[in-house]
Amino acid sequence: MTIYSAIGFSVAMLVLAASPGPGVFATVARALASGFRPSFAVICGIVVGDVIYLLFAVFGLSMVAKALGNMFFIVKICGGAYLIWLGVRIWFKKPAPVTEKQNQNIHSRWGNFASGLVITLSNPKVILFYCGFLPTFFDLSALILIDLIIVVTIITIVLGGVLGIYAFLASQARRMFTNRQAVRRLNRTAGAVMVGAGLVIAIRS
């Protein structure tokens, strides 16, 4: 792997991460509804999902990823339904002032992480990028351990950083809402965004 291929991959990763899609929408929706820290768990799930597809591509499992067939359809439908369910929960969430300490129990953290992971695993754009587009940057058969570590680091920093910026800006915007009526509107907006992301995942080819 050369420095030029690493830079080219970083730029492509930046474009992929910044492009509006289910991952961005879900991250923003969670940050609007609950703040930055819950959305961080969603981001971690998204990053792990990307790393899984990277390993699929590097270790010659791209055919498995492409040939998931009915299993991929089931994952896609389940992922979309899960996001819709989360969106409905956010929509009907009891409004509370945003200055109150958020509930950060382990169940909500794992739920947010799982939602981010499902978003990535059910996103055809991610499969296409890693199993079809990645080989244009690297000779996957020639990658050594240090190369793989570098690629994983690029994914973590670029993807996590971009989504983190989205989440931070959304969480800062959330602080402007200080009364229950405003928070109710915010929850409904975030819930609608989450439901929309679920529908996009469920119906897209």
Protein backbone atom coordinates (compact mmCIF):
# COMPACT_ATOMS: atom_id res chain seq x y z
CA MET A 1 0.00 0.00 0.00
CA THR A 2 1.34 3.42 -0.98
CA ILE A 3 0.77 6.81 0.61
CA TYR A 4 -1.16 7.85 -2.51
CA SER A 5 -3.56 4.91 -2.29
CA ALA A 6 -4.09 5.66 1.40
CA ILE A 7 -4.85 9.31 0.65
CA GLY A 8 -7.17 8.36 -2.21
CA PHE A 9 -9.03 5.91 0.01
CA SER A 10 -9.30 8.54 2.76
CA VAL A 11 -10.89 11.01 0.34
CA ALA A 12 -13.32 8.38 -0.96
CA MET A 13 -14.16 7.43 2.63
CA LEU A 14 -14.79 11.09 3.44
CA VAL A 15 -17.22 11.43 0.53
CA LEU A 16 -19.01 8.21 1.50
CA ALA A 17 -19.29 9.26 5.15
CA ALA A 18 -20.49 12.80 4.41
CA SER A 19 -23.09 11.74 1.83
CA PRO A 20 -26.62 11.89 3.29
CA GLY A 21 -27.88 8.40 3.92
CA PRO A 22 -29.43 6.16 6.60
CA GLY A 23 -26.31 6.32 8.77
CA VAL A 24 -26.20 10.11 8.79
CA PHE A 25 -29.96 10.40 9.31
CA ALA A 26 -29.98 7.92 12.20
CA THR A 27 -27.00 9.61 13.87
CA VAL A 28 -28.57 13.06 13.59
CA ALA A 29 -31.96 11.78 14.76
CA ARG A 30 -30.45 10.14 17.84
CA ALA A 31 -28.41 13.26 18.66
CA LEU A 32 -31.50 15.47 18.29
CA ALA A 33 -33.58 13.18 20.48
CA SER A 34 -31.08 12.24 23.19
CA GLY A 35 -27.88 14.23 22.83
CA PHE A 36 -24.34 13.49 21.69
CA ARG A 37 -23.41 10.58 23.98
CA PRO A 38 -26.22 8.23 22.87
CA SER A 39 -25.46 9.05 19.24
CA PHE A 40 -21.81 8.09 19.85
CA ALA A 41 -22.95 4.49 20.40
CA VAL A 42 -24.78 4.61 17.06
CA ILE A 43 -21.58 5.85 15.39
CA CYS A 44 -19.57 3.00 16.96
CA GLY A 45 -22.04 0.49 15.52
CA ILE A 46 -21.76 2.06 12.06
CA VAL A 47 -17.95 1.97 12.18
CA VAL A 48 -17.91 -1.68 13.29
CA GLY A 49 -20.25 -2.57 10.43
CA ASP A 50 -17.88 -0.92 7.94
CA VAL A 51 -14.92 -2.82 9.39
CA ILE A 52 -16.84 -6.10 9.01
CA TYR A 53 -17.37 -5.46 5.30
CA LEU A 54 -13.72 -4.43 4.97
CA LEU A 55 -12.70 -7.82 6.39
CA PHE A 56 -15.14 -9.51 4.01
CA ALA A 57 -13.39 -7.84 1.08
CA VAL A 58 -9.82 -8.36 2.29
CA PHE A 59 -10.20 -12.04 3.17
CA GLY A 60 -11.94 -12.98 -0.05
CA LEU A 61 -15.46 -13.10 1.34
CA SER A 62 -16.88 -10.49 -1.02
CA MET A 63 -18.77 -13.23 -2.85
CA VAL A 64 -20.42 -14.15 0.43
CA ALA A 65 -21.42 -10.53 1.02
CA LYS A 66 -22.76 -10.22 -2.51
CA ALA A 67 -24.54 -13.57 -2.43
CA LEU A 68 -26.36 -13.19 0.85
CA GLY A 69 -29.57 -13.42 -1.16
CA ASN A 70 -32.63 -13.96 0.97
CA MET A 71 -30.62 -13.52 4.16
CA PHE A 72 -29.63 -10.00 3.11
CA PHE A 73 -33.26 -9.25 2.28
CA ILE A 74 -34.28 -10.41 5.77
CA VAL A 75 -31.52 -8.34 7.41
CA LYS A 76 -32.59 -5.31 5.37
CA ILE A 77 -36.26 -5.64 6.32
CA CYS A 78 -35.45 -6.29 9.98
CA GLY A 79 -33.04 -3.34 10.03
CA GLY A 80 -35.60 -1.02 8.49
CA ALA A 81 -38.32 -2.22 10.87
CA TYR A 82 -36.02 -1.71 13.87
CA LEU A 83 -35.27 1.88 12.88
CA ILE A 84 -38.96 2.57 12.29
CA TRP A 85 -39.70 1.18 15.76
CA LEU A 86 -37.03 3.45 17.27
CA GLY A 87 -38.48 6.41 15.38
CA VAL A 88 -41.96 5.71 16.70
CA ARG A 89 -40.57 5.48 20.25
CA ILE A 90 -38.82 8.82 19.85
CA TRP A 91 -41.99 10.37 18.38
CA PHE A 92 -44.03 9.39 21.45
CA LYS A 93 -41.22 9.99 23.94
CA LYS A 94 -42.37 12.05 26.91
CA PRO A 95 -40.89 15.54 26.47
CA ALA A 96 -38.40 16.60 29.13
CA PRO A 97 -36.16 19.68 29.35
CA VAL A 98 -32.92 19.05 27.51
CA THR A 99 -30.90 20.18 30.51
CA GLU A 100 -31.90 17.08 32.44
CA LYS A 101 -29.33 14.29 32.71
CA GLN A 102 -30.00 11.65 30.10
CA ASN A 103 -30.48 8.01 31.03
CA GLN A 104 -27.27 6.27 30.00
CA ASN A 105 -27.99 2.67 31.03
CA ILE A 106 -26.24 -0.23 29.35
CA HIS A 107 -29.41 -1.34 27.56
CA SER A 108 -29.81 1.96 25.73
CA ARG A 109 -26.12 1.99 24.81
CA TRP A 110 -26.27 -1.50 23.34
CA GLY A 111 -29.54 -0.68 21.59
CA ASN A 112 -27.99 2.38 19.97
CA PHE A 113 -24.89 0.39 19.02
CA ALA A 114 -27.05 -2.36 17.49
CA SER A 115 -29.04 0.18 15.47
CA GLY A 116 -25.83 1.60 13.99
CA LEU A 117 -24.53 -1.89 13.17
CA VAL A 118 -27.80 -2.94 11.49
CA ILE A 119 -27.84 0.28 9.46
CA THR A 120 -24.45 -0.54 7.95
CA LEU A 121 -25.01 -4.27 7.44
CA SER A 122 -28.27 -3.57 5.57
CA ASN A 123 -26.92 -0.76 3.41
CA PRO A 124 -26.19 -1.84 -0.21
CA LYS A 125 -24.03 1.26 -0.74
CA VAL A 126 -21.57 0.02 1.89
CA ILE A 127 -21.41 -3.45 0.31
CA LEU A 128 -20.73 -1.91 -3.10
CA PHE A 129 -18.02 0.37 -1.71
CA TYR A 130 -16.01 -2.31 0.09
CA CYS A 131 -16.57 -5.31 -2.16
CA GLY A 132 -16.53 -3.47 -5.48
CA PHE A 133 -14.82 -0.10 -5.10
CA LEU A 134 -12.14 -0.86 -2.49
CA PRO A 135 -10.03 -3.03 -4.84
CA THR A 136 -9.47 0.01 -7.05
CA PHE A 137 -7.36 1.53 -4.26
CA PHE A 138 -5.55 -1.52 -2.91
CA ASP A 139 -4.35 -4.89 -4.10
CA LEU A 140 -6.29 -6.78 -1.45
CA SER A 141 -4.27 -9.96 -1.95
CA ALA A 142 -1.04 -8.07 -1.14
CA LEU A 143 -2.20 -6.33 2.02
CA ILE A 144 -0.20 -7.20 5.13
CA LEU A 145 -1.23 -6.78 8.76
CA ILE A 146 0.13 -3.25 9.09
CA ASP A 147 -1.71 -2.22 5.91
CA LEU A 148 -4.95 -3.62 7.31
CA ILE A 149 -4.41 -1.75 10.57
CA ILE A 150 -3.86 1.48 8.62
CA VAL A 151 -7.06 0.98 6.59
CA VAL A 152 -9.09 0.23 9.74
CA THR A 153 -7.61 3.35 11.35
CA ILE A 154 -8.59 5.46 8.33
CA ILE A 155 -12.14 4.12 8.44
CA THR A 156 -12.43 4.74 12.18
CA ILE A 157 -11.04 8.27 12.07
CA VAL A 158 -12.74 9.50 8.88
CA LEU A 159 -16.13 7.81 9.27
CA GLY A 160 -16.27 8.31 13.03
CA GLY A 161 -15.07 11.91 12.72
CA VAL A 162 -17.59 12.92 10.06
CA LEU A 163 -20.52 11.31 11.84
CA GLY A 164 -19.27 12.78 15.11
CA ILE A 165 -19.42 16.26 13.61
CA TYR A 166 -22.98 15.63 12.45
CA ALA A 167 -23.91 14.38 15.92
CA PHE A 168 -22.19 17.27 17.70
CA LEU A 169 -23.91 19.91 15.58
CA ALA A 170 -27.29 18.21 16.05
CA SER A 171 -26.78 17.95 19.82
CA GLN A 172 -25.79 21.62 20.00
CA ALA A 173 -28.91 22.61 18.04
CA ARG A 174 -30.93 20.52 20.48
CA ARG A 175 -29.79 22.74 23.37
CA MET A 176 -31.79 25.63 21.93
CA PHE A 177 -35.01 23.86 22.89
CA THR A 178 -35.77 24.62 26.54
CA ASN A 179 -39.52 24.10 26.98
CA ARG A 180 -41.58 20.93 26.79
CA GLN A 181 -43.56 21.98 23.72
CA ALA A 182 -40.38 22.68 21.79
CA VAL A 183 -38.86 19.38 22.94
CA ARG A 184 -42.02 17.55 21.82
CA ARG A 185 -41.63 19.07 18.33
CA LEU A 186 -37.95 18.14 18.35
CA ASN A 187 -38.73 14.55 19.33
CA ARG A 188 -41.29 14.28 16.55
CA THR A 189 -38.83 15.68 14.02
CA ALA A 190 -36.13 13.23 15.16
CA GLY A 191 -38.65 10.37 15.17
CA ALA A 192 -39.77 11.20 11.65
CA VAL A 193 -36.14 11.26 10.47
CA MET A 194 -35.52 7.86 12.06
CA VAL A 195 -38.67 6.38 10.51
CA GLY A 196 -37.62 7.81 7.14
CA ALA A 197 -34.20 6.18 7.46
CA GLY A 198 -35.88 2.87 8.25
CA LEU A 199 -38.15 3.15 5.22
CA VAL A 200 -35.18 3.97 2.97
CA ILE A 201 -33.35 0.86 4.15
CA ALA A 202 -36.42 -1.37 3.81
CA ILE A 203 -37.45 -0.34 0.29
CA ARG A 204 -34.16 0.48 -1.44
CA SER A 205 -32.64 -2.10 -3.74
